[in-house]
Amino acid sequence: MLHKMGYRFRIHVEDLPGKPDIVFPKYHTAVFVNGCFWHGHKNCKDFAPPKTKTEWWLNKISGNIKNDTENTKQLKKQGWQVVVIWECKLRPENRENTIQNLTHKLNDKYA
């Protein structure tokens, strides 16, 4: 969808902190597409701690959140704009609005 709109990007750029899912070099923007469960999306119906091994899972997810925070901090220090898109925002009923918000951020950064 983004490519059809004329945006050029790279995926899974390994030499950037956190290996962003999508990188728009022209706009100096890194995008992470976070799974609601794996990254602890607050107030999201897709994030509920499992009933078994709860402590283990909460520690795992807490570690992911800590890594996300550190990677974002490092990217911003390097001058990158960081955008997080949550899995639930890519459902068909939300997708168009989510992409529109992303393109606005790209264009605002570039302006």
N, C-alpha and C. Protein backbone atom coordinates (compact mmCIF):
# COMPACT_ATOMS: atom_id res chain seq x y z
N MET A 1 0.82 -1.19 0.00
CA MET A 1 0.00 0.00 0.00
C MET A 1 0.87 1.27 0.00
N LEU A 2 1.87 1.29 0.87
CA LEU A 2 2.76 2.45 0.93
C LEU A 2 3.56 2.60 -0.37
N HIS A 3 4.00 1.49 -0.91
CA HIS A 3 4.76 1.53 -2.16
C HIS A 3 3.90 2.08 -3.29
N LYS A 4 2.65 1.66 -3.35
CA LYS A 4 1.73 2.17 -4.37
C LYS A 4 1.52 3.67 -4.25
N MET A 5 1.65 4.17 -3.03
CA MET A 5 1.47 5.60 -2.79
C MET A 5 2.73 6.39 -3.12
N GLY A 6 3.79 5.69 -3.52
CA GLY A 6 5.02 6.37 -3.93
C GLY A 6 6.11 6.42 -2.86
N TYR A 7 5.85 5.83 -1.72
CA TYR A 7 6.85 5.83 -0.65
C TYR A 7 7.83 4.69 -0.86
N ARG A 8 9.10 4.99 -0.69
CA ARG A 8 10.14 3.98 -0.82
C ARG A 8 10.72 3.73 0.57
N PHE A 9 10.95 2.46 0.86
CA PHE A 9 11.37 2.09 2.20
C PHE A 9 12.17 0.81 2.16
N ARG A 10 12.80 0.53 3.28
CA ARG A 10 13.52 -0.73 3.48
C ARG A 10 12.85 -1.43 4.65
N ILE A 11 12.97 -2.74 4.70
CA ILE A 11 12.38 -3.48 5.82
C ILE A 11 13.48 -4.19 6.61
N HIS A 12 13.22 -4.31 7.92
CA HIS A 12 14.10 -5.04 8.85
C HIS A 12 15.56 -4.62 8.72
N VAL A 13 15.81 -3.34 8.90
CA VAL A 13 17.16 -2.80 8.76
C VAL A 13 17.98 -3.18 10.00
N GLU A 14 18.89 -4.10 9.79
CA GLU A 14 19.63 -4.70 10.89
C GLU A 14 20.66 -3.78 11.54
N ASP A 15 21.11 -2.74 10.82
CA ASP A 15 22.14 -1.89 11.39
C ASP A 15 21.57 -0.72 12.20
N LEU A 16 20.27 -0.71 12.44
CA LEU A 16 19.66 0.29 13.31
C LEU A 16 19.18 -0.37 14.60
N PRO A 17 19.22 0.37 15.71
CA PRO A 17 18.77 -0.19 16.98
C PRO A 17 17.34 -0.75 16.89
N GLY A 18 17.17 -1.97 17.35
CA GLY A 18 15.86 -2.61 17.37
C GLY A 18 15.42 -3.22 16.06
N LYS A 19 16.25 -3.05 15.01
CA LYS A 19 15.93 -3.60 13.69
C LYS A 19 14.49 -3.23 13.29
N PRO A 20 14.26 -1.93 13.02
CA PRO A 20 12.90 -1.47 12.69
C PRO A 20 12.28 -2.27 11.56
N ASP A 21 10.95 -2.43 11.64
CA ASP A 21 10.22 -3.20 10.62
C ASP A 21 10.22 -2.48 9.28
N ILE A 22 10.07 -1.16 9.30
CA ILE A 22 10.06 -0.36 8.08
C ILE A 22 10.91 0.87 8.32
N VAL A 23 11.77 1.20 7.36
CA VAL A 23 12.60 2.40 7.46
C VAL A 23 12.43 3.21 6.19
N PHE A 24 12.12 4.48 6.39
CA PHE A 24 12.00 5.43 5.28
C PHE A 24 13.23 6.33 5.33
N PRO A 25 14.30 5.95 4.61
CA PRO A 25 15.54 6.73 4.68
C PRO A 25 15.35 8.20 4.30
N LYS A 26 14.57 8.47 3.27
CA LYS A 26 14.36 9.84 2.80
C LYS A 26 13.76 10.71 3.91
N TYR A 27 12.93 10.13 4.74
CA TYR A 27 12.23 10.86 5.80
C TYR A 27 12.89 10.66 7.16
N HIS A 28 13.97 9.90 7.19
CA HIS A 28 14.70 9.59 8.41
C HIS A 28 13.72 9.12 9.49
N THR A 29 12.87 8.16 9.10
CA THR A 29 11.83 7.65 9.98
C THR A 29 11.90 6.13 10.07
N ALA A 30 11.85 5.64 11.30
CA ALA A 30 11.84 4.21 11.58
C ALA A 30 10.47 3.83 12.14
N VAL A 31 9.91 2.75 11.62
CA VAL A 31 8.58 2.30 12.05
C VAL A 31 8.69 0.91 12.64
N PHE A 32 8.11 0.76 13.81
CA PHE A 32 8.00 -0.54 14.44
C PHE A 32 6.53 -0.94 14.41
N VAL A 33 6.26 -2.14 13.93
CA VAL A 33 4.90 -2.68 13.97
C VAL A 33 4.90 -3.67 15.13
N ASN A 34 4.28 -3.24 16.23
CA ASN A 34 4.32 -4.03 17.46
C ASN A 34 3.08 -4.89 17.63
N GLY A 35 3.30 -6.15 17.96
CA GLY A 35 2.21 -7.03 18.33
C GLY A 35 1.66 -6.59 19.68
N CYS A 36 0.36 -6.48 19.78
CA CYS A 36 -0.27 -5.99 21.01
C CYS A 36 0.08 -6.87 22.21
N PHE A 37 0.07 -8.17 22.03
CA PHE A 37 0.41 -9.07 23.13
C PHE A 37 1.89 -8.98 23.48
N TRP A 38 2.76 -9.12 22.49
CA TRP A 38 4.20 -9.23 22.73
C TRP A 38 4.81 -7.95 23.28
N HIS A 39 4.18 -6.82 23.00
CA HIS A 39 4.75 -5.54 23.44
C HIS A 39 3.89 -4.84 24.48
N GLY A 40 2.90 -5.55 25.03
CA GLY A 40 2.12 -5.04 26.15
C GLY A 40 1.31 -3.79 25.85
N HIS A 41 0.51 -3.83 24.78
CA HIS A 41 -0.30 -2.67 24.40
C HIS A 41 -1.35 -2.39 25.46
N LYS A 42 -1.14 -1.31 26.20
CA LYS A 42 -2.04 -0.96 27.31
C LYS A 42 -3.44 -0.64 26.79
N ASN A 43 -4.43 -1.05 27.56
CA ASN A 43 -5.85 -0.79 27.26
C ASN A 43 -6.29 -1.37 25.92
N CYS A 44 -5.65 -2.43 25.49
CA CYS A 44 -6.01 -3.08 24.23
C CYS A 44 -6.61 -4.45 24.55
N LYS A 45 -7.69 -4.79 23.88
CA LYS A 45 -8.34 -6.08 24.15
C LYS A 45 -7.47 -7.26 23.71
N ASP A 46 -6.48 -7.00 22.86
CA ASP A 46 -5.60 -8.07 22.42
C ASP A 46 -4.46 -8.35 23.40
N PHE A 47 -4.37 -7.54 24.45
CA PHE A 47 -3.34 -7.79 25.44
C PHE A 47 -3.99 -8.18 26.76
N ALA A 48 -3.84 -9.43 27.08
CA ALA A 48 -4.29 -9.95 28.38
C ALA A 48 -3.26 -10.98 28.81
N PRO A 49 -2.77 -10.85 30.03
CA PRO A 49 -1.77 -11.82 30.49
C PRO A 49 -2.35 -13.24 30.48
N PRO A 50 -1.57 -14.21 30.02
CA PRO A 50 -2.03 -15.59 30.02
C PRO A 50 -2.31 -16.08 31.44
N LYS A 51 -3.19 -17.03 31.54
CA LYS A 51 -3.56 -17.57 32.85
C LYS A 51 -2.54 -18.58 33.36
N THR A 52 -1.71 -19.11 32.47
CA THR A 52 -0.66 -20.02 32.90
C THR A 52 0.70 -19.36 32.68
N LYS A 53 1.63 -19.69 33.53
CA LYS A 53 2.99 -19.10 33.48
C LYS A 53 2.92 -17.56 33.43
N THR A 54 1.96 -17.02 34.16
CA THR A 54 1.70 -15.57 34.11
C THR A 54 2.94 -14.76 34.44
N GLU A 55 3.62 -15.11 35.52
CA GLU A 55 4.81 -14.34 35.91
C GLU A 55 5.88 -14.36 34.82
N TRP A 56 6.10 -15.53 34.24
CA TRP A 56 7.10 -15.66 33.17
C TRP A 56 6.74 -14.76 32.00
N TRP A 57 5.47 -14.81 31.58
CA TRP A 57 5.03 -14.00 30.45
C TRP A 57 5.14 -12.51 30.74
N LEU A 58 4.73 -12.11 31.93
CA LEU A 58 4.81 -10.68 32.28
C LEU A 58 6.25 -10.20 32.30
N ASN A 59 7.17 -11.04 32.76
CA ASN A 59 8.60 -10.69 32.71
C ASN A 59 9.08 -10.57 31.27
N LYS A 60 8.67 -11.50 30.43
CA LYS A 60 9.05 -11.48 29.02
C LYS A 60 8.55 -10.20 28.35
N ILE A 61 7.28 -9.88 28.55
CA ILE A 61 6.69 -8.70 27.92
C ILE A 61 7.31 -7.43 28.49
N SER A 62 7.57 -7.42 29.78
CA SER A 62 8.23 -6.27 30.41
C SER A 62 9.61 -6.04 29.80
N GLY A 63 10.33 -7.13 29.54
CA GLY A 63 11.63 -7.03 28.88
C GLY A 63 11.51 -6.46 27.47
N ASN A 64 10.47 -6.88 26.75
CA ASN A 64 10.25 -6.34 25.40
C ASN A 64 9.99 -4.84 25.46
N ILE A 65 9.18 -4.42 26.43
CA ILE A 65 8.88 -2.99 26.58
C ILE A 65 10.14 -2.21 26.91
N LYS A 66 10.96 -2.76 27.78
CA LYS A 66 12.23 -2.11 28.14
C LYS A 66 13.13 -1.98 26.90
N ASN A 67 13.23 -3.05 26.11
CA ASN A 67 14.03 -3.00 24.88
C ASN A 67 13.47 -1.98 23.90
N ASP A 68 12.14 -1.93 23.78
CA ASP A 68 11.51 -0.96 22.88
C ASP A 68 11.88 0.47 23.28
N THR A 69 11.82 0.74 24.58
CA THR A 69 12.14 2.08 25.09
C THR A 69 13.58 2.44 24.80
N GLU A 70 14.49 1.51 25.04
CA GLU A 70 15.91 1.76 24.80
C GLU A 70 16.20 1.95 23.31
N ASN A 71 15.60 1.12 22.46
CA ASN A 71 15.82 1.26 21.02
C ASN A 71 15.29 2.60 20.51
N THR A 72 14.14 3.00 20.99
CA THR A 72 13.57 4.29 20.59
C THR A 72 14.49 5.43 21.01
N LYS A 73 14.99 5.35 22.24
CA LYS A 73 15.90 6.38 22.75
C LYS A 73 17.15 6.48 21.87
N GLN A 74 17.73 5.33 21.52
CA GLN A 74 18.93 5.32 20.70
C GLN A 74 18.66 5.88 19.30
N LEU A 75 17.54 5.50 18.71
CA LEU A 75 17.21 6.00 17.38
C LEU A 75 17.00 7.51 17.39
N LYS A 76 16.29 8.01 18.38
CA LYS A 76 16.06 9.45 18.48
C LYS A 76 17.37 10.20 18.68
N LYS A 77 18.28 9.61 19.45
CA LYS A 77 19.59 10.22 19.67
C LYS A 77 20.35 10.34 18.35
N GLN A 78 20.10 9.39 17.44
CA GLN A 78 20.74 9.40 16.13
C GLN A 78 19.98 10.27 15.12
N GLY A 79 18.91 10.92 15.59
CA GLY A 79 18.17 11.83 14.72
C GLY A 79 17.00 11.23 13.96
N TRP A 80 16.62 10.02 14.31
CA TRP A 80 15.51 9.36 13.64
C TRP A 80 14.18 9.71 14.30
N GLN A 81 13.16 9.85 13.48
CA GLN A 81 11.79 9.92 13.99
C GLN A 81 11.34 8.46 14.15
N VAL A 82 10.70 8.16 15.26
CA VAL A 82 10.26 6.79 15.53
C VAL A 82 8.74 6.76 15.60
N VAL A 83 8.15 5.83 14.85
CA VAL A 83 6.71 5.65 14.83
C VAL A 83 6.42 4.20 15.23
N VAL A 84 5.48 4.04 16.16
CA VAL A 84 5.03 2.71 16.55
C VAL A 84 3.62 2.52 16.04
N ILE A 85 3.42 1.44 15.30
CA ILE A 85 2.08 1.08 14.84
C ILE A 85 1.71 -0.22 15.53
N TRP A 86 0.59 -0.19 16.22
CA TRP A 86 0.14 -1.38 16.94
C TRP A 86 -0.62 -2.31 16.01
N GLU A 87 -0.44 -3.58 16.24
CA GLU A 87 -1.09 -4.63 15.45
C GLU A 87 -2.59 -4.38 15.28
N CYS A 88 -3.26 -3.99 16.35
CA CYS A 88 -4.71 -3.79 16.30
C CYS A 88 -5.10 -2.64 15.37
N LYS A 89 -4.17 -1.72 15.13
CA LYS A 89 -4.45 -0.58 14.25
C LYS A 89 -4.29 -0.94 12.78
N LEU A 90 -3.89 -2.17 12.50
CA LEU A 90 -3.77 -2.62 11.11
C LEU A 90 -4.92 -3.52 10.68
N ARG A 91 -5.89 -3.68 11.55
CA ARG A 91 -7.10 -4.42 11.16
C ARG A 91 -7.79 -3.66 10.04
N PRO A 92 -8.52 -4.36 9.20
CA PRO A 92 -9.16 -3.70 8.05
C PRO A 92 -9.93 -2.43 8.38
N GLU A 93 -10.63 -2.42 9.50
CA GLU A 93 -11.44 -1.25 9.85
C GLU A 93 -10.60 -0.05 10.30
N ASN A 94 -9.33 -0.28 10.66
CA ASN A 94 -8.44 0.79 11.12
C ASN A 94 -7.32 1.13 10.15
N ARG A 95 -7.07 0.23 9.22
CA ARG A 95 -5.86 0.30 8.39
C ARG A 95 -5.72 1.61 7.62
N GLU A 96 -6.77 2.05 6.95
CA GLU A 96 -6.66 3.25 6.11
C GLU A 96 -6.30 4.48 6.96
N ASN A 97 -6.94 4.61 8.11
CA ASN A 97 -6.64 5.73 9.00
C ASN A 97 -5.21 5.66 9.52
N THR A 98 -4.76 4.46 9.85
CA THR A 98 -3.40 4.26 10.36
C THR A 98 -2.37 4.65 9.31
N ILE A 99 -2.58 4.22 8.08
CA ILE A 99 -1.65 4.56 6.99
C ILE A 99 -1.67 6.06 6.73
N GLN A 100 -2.84 6.64 6.77
CA GLN A 100 -2.95 8.09 6.57
C GLN A 100 -2.19 8.85 7.65
N ASN A 101 -2.33 8.42 8.90
CA ASN A 101 -1.59 9.05 10.00
C ASN A 101 -0.08 8.93 9.80
N LEU A 102 0.36 7.75 9.34
CA LEU A 102 1.79 7.55 9.09
C LEU A 102 2.28 8.49 7.98
N THR A 103 1.55 8.58 6.90
CA THR A 103 2.00 9.44 5.79
C THR A 103 2.02 10.91 6.21
N HIS A 104 1.10 11.31 7.08
CA HIS A 104 1.14 12.69 7.59
C HIS A 104 2.41 12.91 8.40
N LYS A 105 2.79 11.95 9.23
CA LYS A 105 4.01 12.07 10.01
C LYS A 105 5.24 12.15 9.11
N LEU A 106 5.23 11.35 8.05
CA LEU A 106 6.35 11.38 7.11
C LEU A 106 6.44 12.74 6.44
N ASN A 107 5.32 13.23 5.98
CA ASN A 107 5.32 14.51 5.28
C ASN A 107 5.62 15.69 6.20
N ASP A 108 5.17 15.60 7.46
CA ASP A 108 5.49 16.64 8.43
C ASP A 108 6.98 16.67 8.72
N LYS A 109 7.58 15.49 8.81
CA LYS A 109 9.01 15.38 9.08
C LYS A 109 9.81 15.95 7.90
N TYR A 110 9.32 15.73 6.71
CA TYR A 110 10.04 16.12 5.50
C TYR A 110 9.86 17.61 5.19
N ALA A 111 8.76 18.19 5.64
CA ALA A 111 8.45 19.60 5.31
C ALA A 111 9.43 20.57 5.92
